[in-house]
Amino acid sequence: MRQIPDIPTLLRQYRAYLMLQRGLSENTVESYLFDAGKLIDYLTCENAALRDVDYPRLQNFAATLFDLGIAEASRKRVISGIKAFFHFLRTENYIEEDPTLLLETPRPGHHLPEVLSIDEIDSLIEAIDPDSVAAVRNRAIIETLYGCGLRVSELVNLELSRINLDELYIVVHGKGNKERMVPMSPTAAAYISDYIHGERCGLKIDRGEESYVFLNSRGHRLTRQMVFTIIRRLAAAADIQRTISPHTLRHSFATHLLEGGANLRAIQQMLGHESIATTEIYIHLDTTRLREEILTHHPRNMK
């Protein structure tokens, strides 16, 4: 194993390696050198040498970047640069093993979705003018989005033949041309039935639109934008201050199921998520409920 030279010499060698062997641009080379410099500054403060760097020390370095408030994208780039630097040290036989092999780059965090409370859902429904010509349809839309967790595209493309009012389920044509069966609540089924056999029967339906459930006053299938407009108008009428959309009802559906004790895999199937990781964004229960769960179910707290 070779002796590690002084830092200025080592960085000159690293620059030559990046430019000549890896063929990187000048700007990219400068970025890699900047990242290596960050680690070297950290090690200087810790009175540690490059040869002493191990995985736990690198974890502490990564944690320091987070504590300093450095943005996720920047932290990801720095960690990537550190990996490249240690790969160089290993290639040049300055170190025996690469301590960055197990070091993970920061993963993008999930933004928690906006969720309505049950009271807010009720106020949204109560905001529907019962005397309006589309009152029953709009109630059916809210109940279907919230009661079945549909995407807005799945709602506007829902066909009459895919609804089973007797067995209380609908067949949804989702992403990737995949179909799934979603149970309906009796409430959603009742309002869909009222709309299909009442308000919808009075429409003059255009040719080619006959199979679709939700139509506008001219007999055309509803557009995604129209559903957005309906939801936002109702939110304004219900004095809900946050910006919500049809997807908010889908998020609320999943969250309320989870809080009610539903299995995450079952929620995944009902939402049509290919990966369970996508469904896991709904695990954002408040700390009060988490505390209650621990006090109720942890063996140390059970008599």
Protein backbone atom coordinates (compact mmCIF):
# COMPACT_ATOMS: atom_id res chain seq x y z
CA MET A 1 0.00 0.00 0.00
CA ARG A 2 1.38 3.41 -0.99
CA GLN A 3 2.00 6.30 1.36
CA ILE A 4 -0.65 9.01 1.06
CA PRO A 5 1.04 12.26 -0.01
CA ASP A 6 0.32 15.70 1.44
CA ILE A 7 -3.16 17.05 0.67
CA PRO A 8 -2.22 19.55 -2.09
CA THR A 9 -0.27 16.83 -3.95
CA LEU A 10 -3.07 14.32 -3.45
CA LEU A 11 -5.68 16.74 -4.83
CA ARG A 12 -3.49 17.47 -7.88
CA GLN A 13 -3.29 13.72 -8.54
CA TYR A 14 -7.04 13.43 -8.06
CA ARG A 15 -7.62 16.25 -10.56
CA ALA A 16 -5.42 14.52 -13.15
CA TYR A 17 -7.25 11.22 -12.53
CA LEU A 18 -10.66 12.82 -13.05
CA MET A 19 -9.63 14.64 -16.22
CA LEU A 20 -7.40 12.06 -17.89
CA GLN A 21 -8.77 8.71 -16.79
CA ARG A 22 -12.43 9.58 -16.36
CA GLY A 23 -12.57 12.30 -19.01
CA LEU A 24 -14.75 14.64 -16.95
CA SER A 25 -15.37 18.28 -17.82
CA GLU A 26 -13.64 21.09 -15.95
CA ASN A 27 -16.82 22.04 -14.09
CA THR A 28 -17.46 18.47 -12.99
CA VAL A 29 -13.86 18.09 -11.87
CA GLU A 30 -14.15 21.25 -9.77
CA SER A 31 -17.32 19.90 -8.17
CA TYR A 32 -15.59 16.64 -7.24
CA LEU A 33 -12.63 18.53 -5.79
CA PHE A 34 -14.99 20.76 -3.83
CA ASP A 35 -16.69 17.68 -2.35
CA ALA A 36 -13.36 16.12 -1.39
CA GLY A 37 -12.38 19.42 0.20
CA LYS A 38 -15.52 19.32 2.36
CA LEU A 39 -14.48 15.95 3.77
CA ILE A 40 -10.89 17.04 4.28
CA ASP A 41 -12.03 20.13 6.20
CA TYR A 42 -14.22 17.91 8.38
CA LEU A 43 -11.34 15.50 9.06
CA THR A 44 -9.05 18.40 9.95
CA CYS A 45 -11.55 19.57 12.57
CA GLU A 46 -11.77 16.01 13.88
CA ASN A 47 -7.95 15.61 13.93
CA ALA A 48 -8.33 12.52 11.76
CA ALA A 49 -6.31 11.33 8.77
CA LEU A 50 -7.66 9.97 5.49
CA ARG A 51 -6.24 6.55 6.30
CA ASP A 52 -8.30 6.51 9.52
CA VAL A 53 -11.66 7.11 7.80
CA ASP A 54 -14.14 4.31 8.35
CA TYR A 55 -17.85 3.86 7.76
CA PRO A 56 -19.01 5.26 11.15
CA ARG A 57 -16.93 8.41 10.61
CA LEU A 58 -18.44 8.87 7.16
CA GLN A 59 -21.90 8.50 8.68
CA ASN A 60 -21.05 11.27 11.13
CA PHE A 61 -19.84 13.40 8.23
CA ALA A 62 -23.13 12.86 6.40
CA ALA A 63 -25.06 13.69 9.58
CA THR A 64 -23.04 16.90 9.94
CA LEU A 65 -24.06 17.96 6.43
CA PHE A 66 -27.70 17.44 7.43
CA ASP A 67 -27.29 19.32 10.73
CA LEU A 68 -25.79 22.27 8.88
CA GLY A 69 -29.03 22.57 6.91
CA ILE A 70 -27.47 21.73 3.56
CA ALA A 71 -30.16 20.98 1.00
CA GLU A 72 -30.88 17.37 0.10
CA ALA A 73 -29.74 17.74 -3.51
CA SER A 74 -26.43 19.25 -2.36
CA ARG A 75 -25.90 16.53 0.25
CA LYS A 76 -26.56 13.90 -2.39
CA ARG A 77 -23.96 15.46 -4.68
CA VAL A 78 -21.37 15.71 -1.87
CA ILE A 79 -21.82 12.05 -0.88
CA SER A 80 -21.50 11.04 -4.54
CA GLY A 81 -18.28 13.07 -4.73
CA ILE A 82 -16.91 11.44 -1.59
CA LYS A 83 -17.57 8.01 -3.07
CA ALA A 84 -15.63 9.01 -6.20
CA PHE A 85 -12.75 10.30 -4.07
CA PHE A 86 -12.39 7.08 -2.10
CA HIS A 87 -12.68 5.04 -5.28
CA PHE A 88 -9.66 7.01 -6.51
CA LEU A 89 -7.77 6.34 -3.26
CA ARG A 90 -8.48 2.63 -3.54
CA THR A 91 -7.58 2.52 -7.25
CA GLU A 92 -4.25 4.22 -6.52
CA ASN A 93 -3.59 1.78 -3.66
CA TYR A 94 -3.57 4.51 -1.01
CA ILE A 95 -6.09 2.59 1.10
CA GLU A 96 -6.83 -1.13 1.41
CA GLU A 97 -10.63 -0.97 1.54
CA ASP A 98 -13.21 1.57 0.40
CA PRO A 99 -15.24 2.70 3.46
CA THR A 100 -17.91 4.34 1.27
CA LEU A 101 -19.27 1.06 -0.14
CA LEU A 102 -22.05 0.96 2.45
CA LEU A 103 -22.61 4.72 2.53
CA GLU A 104 -26.06 5.58 1.21
CA THR A 105 -26.83 8.77 -0.65
CA PRO A 106 -29.77 10.79 0.72
CA ARG A 107 -33.06 9.58 -0.69
CA PRO A 108 -35.74 12.01 -1.78
CA GLY A 109 -38.28 12.44 0.97
CA HIS A 110 -41.98 11.93 0.43
CA HIS A 111 -44.10 15.03 0.69
CA LEU A 112 -46.98 14.23 2.94
CA PRO A 113 -50.23 14.58 1.04
CA GLU A 114 -52.93 17.04 2.03
CA VAL A 115 -55.67 15.23 3.92
CA LEU A 116 -59.18 16.32 4.90
CA SER A 117 -60.73 15.42 8.21
CA ILE A 118 -64.03 13.56 8.28
CA ASP A 119 -65.75 16.78 9.36
CA GLU A 120 -64.24 18.57 6.35
CA ILE A 121 -65.46 15.82 4.04
CA ASP A 122 -68.94 16.25 5.50
CA SER A 123 -68.77 20.03 5.12
CA LEU A 124 -67.72 19.60 1.48
CA ILE A 125 -70.81 17.47 0.86
CA GLU A 126 -73.06 19.87 2.79
CA ALA A 127 -71.81 22.70 0.56
CA ILE A 128 -73.58 21.12 -2.44
CA ASP A 129 -76.66 23.17 -3.29
CA PRO A 130 -79.52 20.63 -3.12
CA ASP A 131 -81.51 22.68 -5.63
CA SER A 132 -78.80 22.69 -8.30
CA VAL A 133 -79.31 20.56 -11.41
CA ALA A 134 -76.12 18.61 -10.72
CA ALA A 135 -76.58 18.13 -6.98
CA VAL A 136 -76.97 14.35 -7.05
CA ARG A 137 -74.13 13.92 -9.56
CA ASN A 138 -71.75 16.05 -7.48
CA ARG A 139 -72.62 14.17 -4.30
CA ALA A 140 -72.00 10.90 -6.15
CA ILE A 141 -68.62 12.24 -7.37
CA ILE A 142 -67.52 13.17 -3.85
CA GLU A 143 -68.70 9.88 -2.40
CA THR A 144 -66.95 7.88 -5.15
CA LEU A 145 -63.64 9.73 -4.88
CA TYR A 146 -63.62 9.54 -1.10
CA GLY A 147 -65.39 6.19 -0.69
CA CYS A 148 -63.35 4.30 -3.30
CA GLY A 149 -60.09 6.24 -3.47
CA LEU A 150 -60.18 6.71 -7.23
CA ARG A 151 -57.83 8.86 -9.27
CA VAL A 152 -59.65 11.61 -11.14
CA SER A 153 -58.78 9.95 -14.47
CA GLU A 154 -60.36 6.72 -13.20
CA LEU A 155 -63.48 8.59 -12.16
CA VAL A 156 -64.09 10.36 -15.47
CA ASN A 157 -63.50 7.12 -17.41
CA LEU A 158 -65.69 4.98 -15.18
CA GLU A 159 -68.22 3.02 -17.23
CA LEU A 160 -71.70 1.85 -16.27
CA SER A 161 -70.83 -1.76 -17.05
CA ARG A 162 -68.03 -1.66 -14.45
CA ILE A 163 -70.36 -0.87 -11.55
CA ASN A 164 -72.01 -3.64 -9.55
CA LEU A 165 -74.55 -1.98 -7.27
CA ASP A 166 -75.78 -5.31 -5.89
CA GLU A 167 -72.37 -6.63 -4.83
CA LEU A 168 -71.06 -3.14 -4.00
CA TYR A 169 -67.89 -3.01 -6.08
CA ILE A 170 -66.56 -1.27 -9.16
CA VAL A 171 -63.93 -2.41 -11.64
CA VAL A 172 -61.40 0.36 -12.26
CA HIS A 173 -59.17 0.73 -15.28
CA GLY A 174 -56.04 2.22 -13.71
CA LYS A 175 -52.46 3.10 -14.57
CA GLY A 176 -50.59 0.84 -16.96
CA ASN A 177 -53.88 -0.55 -18.33
CA LYS A 178 -54.25 -2.56 -15.13
CA GLU A 179 -57.69 -3.33 -13.76
CA ARG A 180 -58.57 -3.67 -10.12
CA MET A 181 -61.74 -4.31 -8.17
CA VAL A 182 -62.59 -1.72 -5.52
CA PRO A 183 -65.33 -2.17 -2.90
CA MET A 184 -67.98 0.53 -2.65
CA SER A 185 -69.55 1.81 0.51
CA PRO A 186 -73.34 1.56 0.66
CA THR A 187 -73.42 5.37 0.76
CA ALA A 188 -71.43 5.72 -2.46
CA ALA A 189 -73.52 3.02 -4.13
CA ALA A 190 -76.75 4.75 -3.11
CA TYR A 191 -75.73 8.09 -4.57
CA ILE A 192 -74.36 6.55 -7.77
CA SER A 193 -77.64 4.68 -8.15
CA ASP A 194 -79.68 7.84 -7.54
CA TYR A 195 -77.65 9.68 -10.16
CA ILE A 196 -77.78 6.91 -12.78
CA HIS A 197 -81.51 6.32 -12.40
CA GLY A 198 -82.46 9.93 -11.88
CA GLU A 199 -80.51 13.01 -12.89
CA ARG A 200 -78.53 11.24 -15.59
CA CYS A 201 -81.68 9.89 -17.28
CA GLY A 202 -82.79 13.42 -18.05
CA LEU A 203 -79.70 14.21 -20.13
CA LYS A 204 -79.50 14.13 -23.90
CA ILE A 205 -76.39 11.99 -24.17
CA ASP A 206 -74.07 12.38 -27.17
CA ARG A 207 -73.24 9.39 -29.32
CA GLY A 208 -70.21 7.56 -28.01
CA GLU A 209 -70.66 8.87 -24.46
CA GLU A 210 -73.45 6.50 -23.45
CA SER A 211 -71.24 4.11 -21.50
CA TYR A 212 -69.66 6.67 -19.18
CA VAL A 213 -71.12 7.30 -15.74
CA PHE A 214 -70.42 10.94 -15.02
CA LEU A 215 -71.59 13.42 -17.66
CA ASN A 216 -71.96 17.17 -17.93
CA SER A 217 -75.21 19.00 -18.74
CA ARG A 218 -74.56 18.61 -22.48
CA GLY A 219 -74.27 14.83 -22.30
CA HIS A 220 -70.47 14.73 -22.58
CA ARG A 221 -68.15 12.79 -20.32
CA LEU A 222 -66.75 15.04 -17.57
CA THR A 223 -63.19 16.27 -18.01
CA ARG A 224 -60.54 16.09 -15.33
CA GLN A 225 -60.50 19.88 -15.18
CA MET A 226 -64.24 20.02 -14.57
CA VAL A 227 -63.91 17.69 -11.59
CA PHE A 228 -61.11 19.88 -10.23
CA THR A 229 -63.40 22.90 -10.61
CA ILE A 230 -66.30 21.18 -8.83
CA ILE A 231 -64.08 20.22 -5.87
CA ARG A 232 -62.52 23.67 -5.53
CA ARG A 233 -65.86 25.46 -5.70
CA LEU A 234 -67.27 23.23 -3.02
CA ALA A 235 -64.16 23.77 -0.87
CA ALA A 236 -64.61 27.53 -1.16
CA ALA A 237 -68.30 27.21 -0.26
CA ALA A 238 -67.38 25.04 2.74
CA ASP A 239 -64.77 27.62 3.85
CA ILE A 240 -61.93 25.12 3.59
CA GLN A 241 -58.91 27.41 3.41
CA ARG A 242 -56.41 24.93 1.96
CA THR A 243 -56.01 24.25 -1.74
CA ILE A 244 -57.52 20.84 -2.39
CA SER A 245 -58.14 18.69 -5.44
CA PRO A 246 -59.76 15.35 -6.32
CA HIS A 247 -56.51 13.71 -5.26
CA THR A 248 -57.01 15.12 -1.76
CA LEU A 249 -60.08 12.91 -1.43
CA ARG A 250 -58.02 9.90 -2.55
CA HIS A 251 -55.38 10.73 0.07
CA SER A 252 -58.10 11.14 2.70
CA PHE A 253 -59.58 7.76 1.74
CA ALA A 254 -56.24 6.03 2.29
CA THR A 255 -55.38 7.89 5.49
CA HIS A 256 -58.74 7.29 7.14
CA LEU A 257 -58.55 3.59 6.24
CA LEU A 258 -55.11 3.35 7.81
CA GLU A 259 -56.19 5.21 10.92
CA GLY A 260 -59.17 2.89 11.16
CA GLY A 261 -56.84 -0.12 11.29
CA ALA A 262 -56.84 -1.29 7.67
CA ASN A 263 -53.90 -3.37 6.48
CA LEU A 264 -51.39 -1.45 4.35
CA ARG A 265 -51.39 -4.18 1.70
CA ALA A 266 -55.17 -3.94 1.38
CA ILE A 267 -54.91 -0.17 0.96
CA GLN A 268 -52.22 -0.71 -1.68
CA GLN A 269 -54.54 -2.98 -3.65
CA MET A 270 -57.49 -0.60 -3.42
CA LEU A 271 -55.38 2.37 -4.54
CA GLY A 272 -53.78 0.41 -7.36
CA HIS A 273 -50.21 1.10 -6.25
CA GLU A 274 -47.69 -1.20 -7.88
CA SER A 275 -45.23 -0.77 -5.02
CA ILE A 276 -45.99 -0.83 -1.30
CA ALA A 277 -43.43 1.97 -0.93
CA THR A 278 -45.85 4.34 -2.67
CA THR A 279 -48.58 3.47 -0.18
CA GLU A 280 -46.26 3.99 2.79
CA ILE A 281 -46.50 7.78 2.44
CA TYR A 282 -49.83 7.45 4.24
CA ILE A 283 -48.10 6.33 7.43
CA HIS A 284 -48.09 9.82 8.90
CA LEU A 285 -50.29 9.26 11.92
CA ASP A 286 -50.11 11.98 14.57
CA THR A 287 -47.89 11.48 17.60
CA THR A 288 -50.89 11.26 19.94
CA ARG A 289 -52.19 8.16 18.19
CA LEU A 290 -48.71 6.63 17.98
CA ARG A 291 -48.28 7.18 21.71
CA GLU A 292 -51.65 5.56 22.38
CA GLU A 293 -50.65 2.58 20.22
CA ILE A 294 -47.43 2.13 22.20
CA LEU A 295 -49.17 2.48 25.57
CA THR A 296 -51.86 0.01 24.51
CA HIS A 297 -49.88 -2.66 22.71
CA HIS A 298 -46.25 -2.62 23.90
CA PRO A 299 -45.61 -5.53 26.33
CA ARG A 300 -43.89 -3.23 28.84
CA ASN A 301 -47.13 -1.26 29.17
CA MET A 302 -49.55 -4.21 29.28
CA LYS A 303 -50.66 -5.59 32.63
